Amino acid sequence: MSEASSTVSHLSVVMTTAQGEMSQTTGGNGVTSSSSRGAAVYFQSAVLIIGVIGTAANGLVLYALVASKQHQKHVMIVNQNALDLYSCIFLIVTYGLKLFNVRLSGSLGYWLCMLILNENLLWCGVYGSFCNLTVIAVERYLKVVHPVWCQNHLRKWMI
């Protein structure tokens, strides 16, 4: 009996607390507080600025590699910059849509939500970048620690 009464009193405290928090965070029309939306706007704006700077930097590096004809010599570095450029472009698209609070309705809204707003396309580029950095690190390790083995066994098609 004492367990049941303690559970009931605990639940009433939780329910009272949850109702008190609800009245603080929502107004009469169900809108969240403006301070949390303001913080989200500042965060999304900062991420958007980082995406624009990253896009410009990666685009410039790719242009420099192609213009100097070094893109055939450093294939994995070009691949890394291309993956980072892809990630930065989708960072801009994703957080731009989140910042402007785009209405989602119909099948277009469904696909926008599934691919862009859930950041699935963005994370595909980020995970590809992680994998490429791992391959670059292994290749550099082999070239530094085992240079004779690399000269004998490592071929261009492997890279």
Protein backbone atom coordinates (compact mmCIF):
# COMPACT_ATOMS: atom_id res chain seq x y z
CA MET A 1 0.00 0.00 0.00
CA SER A 2 2.79 2.42 0.79
CA GLU A 3 4.34 1.85 -2.66
CA ALA A 4 1.07 2.70 -4.41
CA SER A 5 0.58 5.87 -2.43
CA SER A 6 4.19 6.99 -3.05
CA THR A 7 3.75 6.33 -6.77
CA VAL A 8 0.53 8.31 -6.91
CA SER A 9 2.07 11.25 -5.02
CA HIS A 10 5.13 11.12 -7.28
CA LEU A 11 2.94 11.13 -10.40
CA SER A 12 0.95 14.08 -9.16
CA VAL A 13 4.17 16.04 -8.62
CA VAL A 14 5.37 15.15 -12.12
CA MET A 15 2.04 16.07 -13.68
CA THR A 16 1.94 19.36 -11.80
CA THR A 17 5.51 20.16 -12.89
CA ALA A 18 4.79 19.25 -16.51
CA GLN A 19 1.69 21.45 -16.55
CA GLY A 20 3.64 24.32 -14.98
CA GLU A 21 6.40 24.05 -17.60
CA MET A 22 3.84 23.89 -20.39
CA SER A 23 2.26 27.12 -19.34
CA GLN A 24 5.68 28.76 -19.27
CA THR A 25 6.85 27.60 -22.69
CA THR A 26 3.60 27.93 -24.60
CA GLY A 27 1.22 30.79 -24.86
CA GLY A 28 -2.49 30.56 -25.38
CA ASN A 29 -2.05 29.80 -29.08
CA GLY A 30 0.53 26.97 -28.75
CA VAL A 31 3.56 28.91 -30.00
CA THR A 32 6.94 28.25 -28.39
CA SER A 33 8.73 31.01 -26.55
CA SER A 34 10.57 33.61 -28.59
CA SER A 35 13.86 33.22 -26.71
CA SER A 36 14.32 29.60 -27.84
CA ARG A 37 13.47 30.55 -31.44
CA GLY A 38 15.90 33.46 -31.24
CA ALA A 39 18.73 31.19 -30.11
CA ALA A 40 17.93 28.76 -32.93
CA VAL A 41 18.00 31.60 -35.49
CA TYR A 42 21.44 32.72 -34.30
CA PHE A 43 22.77 29.15 -34.40
CA GLN A 44 21.35 28.48 -37.87
CA SER A 45 22.73 31.79 -39.14
CA ALA A 46 26.19 30.93 -37.79
CA VAL A 47 26.10 27.49 -39.42
CA LEU A 48 24.97 29.09 -42.69
CA ILE A 49 27.93 31.51 -42.59
CA ILE A 50 30.32 28.62 -41.89
CA GLY A 51 28.85 26.76 -44.87
CA VAL A 52 29.34 29.75 -47.18
CA ILE A 53 32.97 30.20 -46.07
CA GLY A 54 33.63 26.45 -46.45
CA THR A 55 32.09 26.41 -49.92
CA ALA A 56 34.23 29.32 -51.04
CA ALA A 57 37.42 27.83 -49.59
CA ASN A 58 36.89 24.34 -51.01
CA GLY A 59 35.87 25.75 -54.39
CA LEU A 60 39.01 27.87 -54.47
CA VAL A 61 41.26 24.91 -53.60
CA LEU A 62 39.62 22.74 -56.27
CA TYR A 63 40.01 25.52 -58.84
CA ALA A 64 43.68 25.94 -57.91
CA LEU A 65 44.35 22.20 -58.22
CA VAL A 66 42.68 22.00 -61.64
CA ALA A 67 44.23 25.23 -62.93
CA SER A 68 47.75 24.11 -61.94
CA LYS A 69 47.12 20.64 -63.42
CA GLN A 70 47.87 18.99 -60.06
CA HIS A 71 44.47 17.28 -59.89
CA GLN A 72 45.82 14.13 -61.59
CA LYS A 73 48.79 13.93 -59.26
CA HIS A 74 46.85 14.33 -55.99
CA VAL A 75 43.68 12.35 -56.65
CA MET A 76 42.73 11.73 -53.02
CA ILE A 77 43.22 15.39 -52.05
CA VAL A 78 40.93 16.42 -54.93
CA ASN A 79 38.43 13.80 -53.81
CA GLN A 80 38.58 15.13 -50.22
CA ASN A 81 37.98 18.70 -51.37
CA ALA A 82 35.11 17.60 -53.60
CA LEU A 83 33.46 15.77 -50.69
CA ASP A 84 33.94 18.79 -48.43
CA LEU A 85 32.49 21.08 -51.10
CA TYR A 86 29.47 18.77 -51.44
CA SER A 87 29.01 18.81 -47.65
CA CYS A 88 29.26 22.59 -47.46
CA ILE A 89 26.74 23.07 -50.27
CA PHE A 90 24.23 20.81 -48.53
CA LEU A 91 24.99 22.56 -45.23
CA ILE A 92 23.92 25.82 -46.87
CA VAL A 93 20.80 24.25 -48.40
CA THR A 94 19.75 22.44 -45.21
CA TYR A 95 20.23 25.31 -42.80
CA GLY A 96 18.90 27.83 -45.31
CA LEU A 97 15.63 25.90 -45.45
CA LYS A 98 15.58 25.58 -41.66
CA LEU A 99 16.29 29.29 -41.20
CA PHE A 100 13.51 30.40 -43.53
CA ASN A 101 11.08 27.90 -41.96
CA VAL A 102 9.78 26.47 -45.24
CA ARG A 103 6.28 24.96 -45.17
CA LEU A 104 6.24 21.26 -46.00
CA SER A 105 3.15 19.83 -47.64
CA GLY A 106 2.46 17.15 -50.19
CA SER A 107 4.95 14.79 -51.72
CA LEU A 108 7.53 17.55 -52.33
CA GLY A 109 7.40 18.45 -48.64
CA TYR A 110 7.80 14.78 -47.72
CA TRP A 111 10.94 14.41 -49.85
CA LEU A 112 12.38 17.74 -48.68
CA CYS A 113 11.93 16.58 -45.12
CA MET A 114 13.33 13.09 -45.73
CA LEU A 115 16.42 14.13 -47.67
CA ILE A 116 17.32 17.70 -46.79
CA LEU A 117 15.79 18.77 -43.49
CA ASN A 118 16.73 15.49 -41.81
CA GLU A 119 20.30 16.21 -43.00
CA ASN A 120 20.62 12.81 -44.72
CA LEU A 121 22.33 14.17 -47.84
CA LEU A 122 24.60 16.34 -45.71
CA TRP A 123 25.74 13.41 -43.58
CA CYS A 124 26.41 11.24 -46.65
CA GLY A 125 29.09 13.75 -47.64
CA VAL A 126 30.46 14.01 -44.10
CA TYR A 127 30.76 10.22 -43.74
CA GLY A 128 32.39 9.98 -47.17
CA SER A 129 34.85 12.64 -46.05
CA PHE A 130 35.66 10.64 -42.89
CA CYS A 131 36.32 7.51 -44.94
CA ASN A 132 38.48 9.40 -47.44
CA LEU A 133 40.55 10.95 -44.62
CA THR A 134 41.13 7.45 -43.24
CA VAL A 135 42.33 6.19 -46.64
CA ILE A 136 44.64 9.21 -47.01
CA ALA A 137 46.09 8.58 -43.54
CA VAL A 138 46.74 4.88 -44.32
CA GLU A 139 48.36 5.75 -47.64
CA ARG A 140 50.63 8.37 -46.03
CA TYR A 141 51.50 5.95 -43.23
CA LEU A 142 52.51 3.28 -45.73
CA LYS A 143 54.60 5.73 -47.76
CA VAL A 144 56.47 6.98 -44.67
CA VAL A 145 56.86 3.82 -42.59
CA HIS A 146 57.15 1.23 -45.38
CA PRO A 147 58.58 3.09 -48.41
CA VAL A 148 60.17 0.02 -50.02
CA TRP A 149 56.93 -1.97 -49.83
CA CYS A 150 55.06 0.98 -51.38
CA GLN A 151 57.48 1.21 -54.30
CA ASN A 152 57.16 -2.51 -54.99
CA HIS A 153 53.45 -3.13 -54.35
CA LEU A 154 51.42 0.10 -54.30
CA ARG A 155 50.08 0.91 -57.77
CA LYS A 156 48.17 3.90 -59.10
CA TRP A 157 44.97 1.88 -59.55
CA MET A 158 45.02 1.05 -55.82
CA ILE A 159 44.91 4.73 -54.94
